[in-house]
Amino acid sequence: MAGLIQRTAEAIDDMWQSIWGGSSRLEKVVIAVFLVVTGLAIPVVPIVWLARIVAN
């Protein structure tokens, strides 16, 4: 079970880095505004933070 959680966290972290890490400032602003406007920032941001902690 711990291995599954670790792999899932690493996959979320990799996905987030591929989207966020290679984006320009304008793209990051657009993504952030989209998340806030759609209400996805509330569930998505804590999930990504937890996944990054577990993955590292």
C-alpha atoms as a PDB file:
ATOM      1  CA  MET A   1       0.000   0.000   0.000  1.00  0.00           C
ATOM      2  CA  ALA A   2       2.827   2.398   0.827  1.00  0.00           C
ATOM      3  CA  GLY A   3       4.374   1.697  -2.574  1.00  0.00           C
ATOM      4  CA  LEU A   4       1.109   2.552  -4.317  1.00  0.00           C
ATOM      5  CA  ILE A   5       0.832   5.822  -2.426  1.00  0.00           C
ATOM      6  CA  GLN A   6       4.457   6.662  -3.244  1.00  0.00           C
ATOM      7  CA  ARG A   7       3.996   5.925  -6.969  1.00  0.00           C
ATOM      8  CA  THR A   8       0.769   7.920  -7.108  1.00  0.00           C
ATOM      9  CA  ALA A   9       2.428  10.863  -5.366  1.00  0.00           C
ATOM     10  CA  GLU A  10       5.381  10.712  -7.759  1.00  0.00           C
ATOM     11  CA  ALA A  11       3.025  10.636 -10.756  1.00  0.00           C
ATOM     12  CA  ILE A  12       1.121  13.686  -9.476  1.00  0.00           C
ATOM     13  CA  ASP A  13       4.394  15.485  -8.795  1.00  0.00           C
ATOM     14  CA  ASP A  14       5.746  14.658 -12.271  1.00  0.00           C
ATOM     15  CA  MET A  15       2.527  15.847 -13.907  1.00  0.00           C
ATOM     16  CA  TRP A  16       2.519  19.078 -11.905  1.00  0.00           C
ATOM     17  CA  GLN A  17       6.177  19.755 -12.740  1.00  0.00           C
ATOM     18  CA  SER A  18       5.581  19.146 -16.449  1.00  0.00           C
ATOM     19  CA  ILE A  19       2.683  21.623 -16.451  1.00  0.00           C
ATOM     20  CA  TRP A  20       3.982  24.204 -14.000  1.00  0.00           C
ATOM     21  CA  GLY A  21       7.765  23.936 -14.342  1.00  0.00           C
ATOM     22  CA  GLY A  22       8.017  24.629 -18.050  1.00  0.00           C
ATOM     23  CA  SER A  23       5.389  27.351 -18.215  1.00  0.00           C
ATOM     24  CA  SER A  24       5.969  31.026 -18.814  1.00  0.00           C
ATOM     25  CA  ARG A  25       4.741  33.587 -16.309  1.00  0.00           C
ATOM     26  CA  LEU A  26       1.659  34.315 -18.459  1.00  0.00           C
ATOM     27  CA  GLU A  27       0.798  30.613 -18.681  1.00  0.00           C
ATOM     28  CA  LYS A  28       1.140  30.281 -14.904  1.00  0.00           C
ATOM     29  CA  VAL A  29      -1.196  33.247 -14.378  1.00  0.00           C
ATOM     30  CA  VAL A  30      -3.752  31.753 -16.781  1.00  0.00           C
ATOM     31  CA  ILE A  31      -3.578  28.379 -14.992  1.00  0.00           C
ATOM     32  CA  ALA A  32      -3.905  30.012 -11.563  1.00  0.00           C
ATOM     33  CA  VAL A  33      -6.870  32.160 -12.661  1.00  0.00           C
ATOM     34  CA  PHE A  34      -8.558  29.121 -14.210  1.00  0.00           C
ATOM     35  CA  LEU A  35      -8.138  27.121 -10.989  1.00  0.00           C
ATOM     36  CA  VAL A  36      -9.496  29.954  -8.849  1.00  0.00           C
ATOM     37  CA  VAL A  37     -12.435  30.765 -11.155  1.00  0.00           C
ATOM     38  CA  THR A  38     -13.525  27.141 -11.462  1.00  0.00           C
ATOM     39  CA  GLY A  39     -13.084  26.522  -7.748  1.00  0.00           C
ATOM     40  CA  LEU A  40     -10.520  23.811  -8.405  1.00  0.00           C
ATOM     41  CA  ALA A  41      -7.792  25.620  -6.479  1.00  0.00           C
ATOM     42  CA  ILE A  42      -9.317  24.524  -3.169  1.00  0.00           C
ATOM     43  CA  PRO A  43      -8.981  20.750  -3.800  1.00  0.00           C
ATOM     44  CA  VAL A  44      -6.085  20.733  -6.296  1.00  0.00           C
ATOM     45  CA  VAL A  45      -3.449  22.807  -4.493  1.00  0.00           C
ATOM     46  CA  PRO A  46      -3.441  20.838  -1.199  1.00  0.00           C
ATOM     47  CA  ILE A  47      -3.402  17.532  -3.114  1.00  0.00           C
ATOM     48  CA  VAL A  48      -0.367  18.666  -5.113  1.00  0.00           C
ATOM     49  CA  TRP A  49       1.417  19.915  -1.980  1.00  0.00           C
ATOM     50  CA  LEU A  50       0.831  16.600  -0.205  1.00  0.00           C
ATOM     51  CA  ALA A  51       1.927  14.638  -3.276  1.00  0.00           C
ATOM     52  CA  ARG A  52       5.140  16.658  -3.522  1.00  0.00           C
ATOM     53  CA  ILE A  53       5.892  15.997   0.163  1.00  0.00           C
ATOM     54  CA  VAL A  54       5.274  12.258  -0.212  1.00  0.00           C
ATOM     55  CA  ALA A  55       7.176  12.027  -3.513  1.00  0.00           C
ATOM     56  CA  ASN A  56      10.234  13.730  -2.076  1.00  0.00           C
END
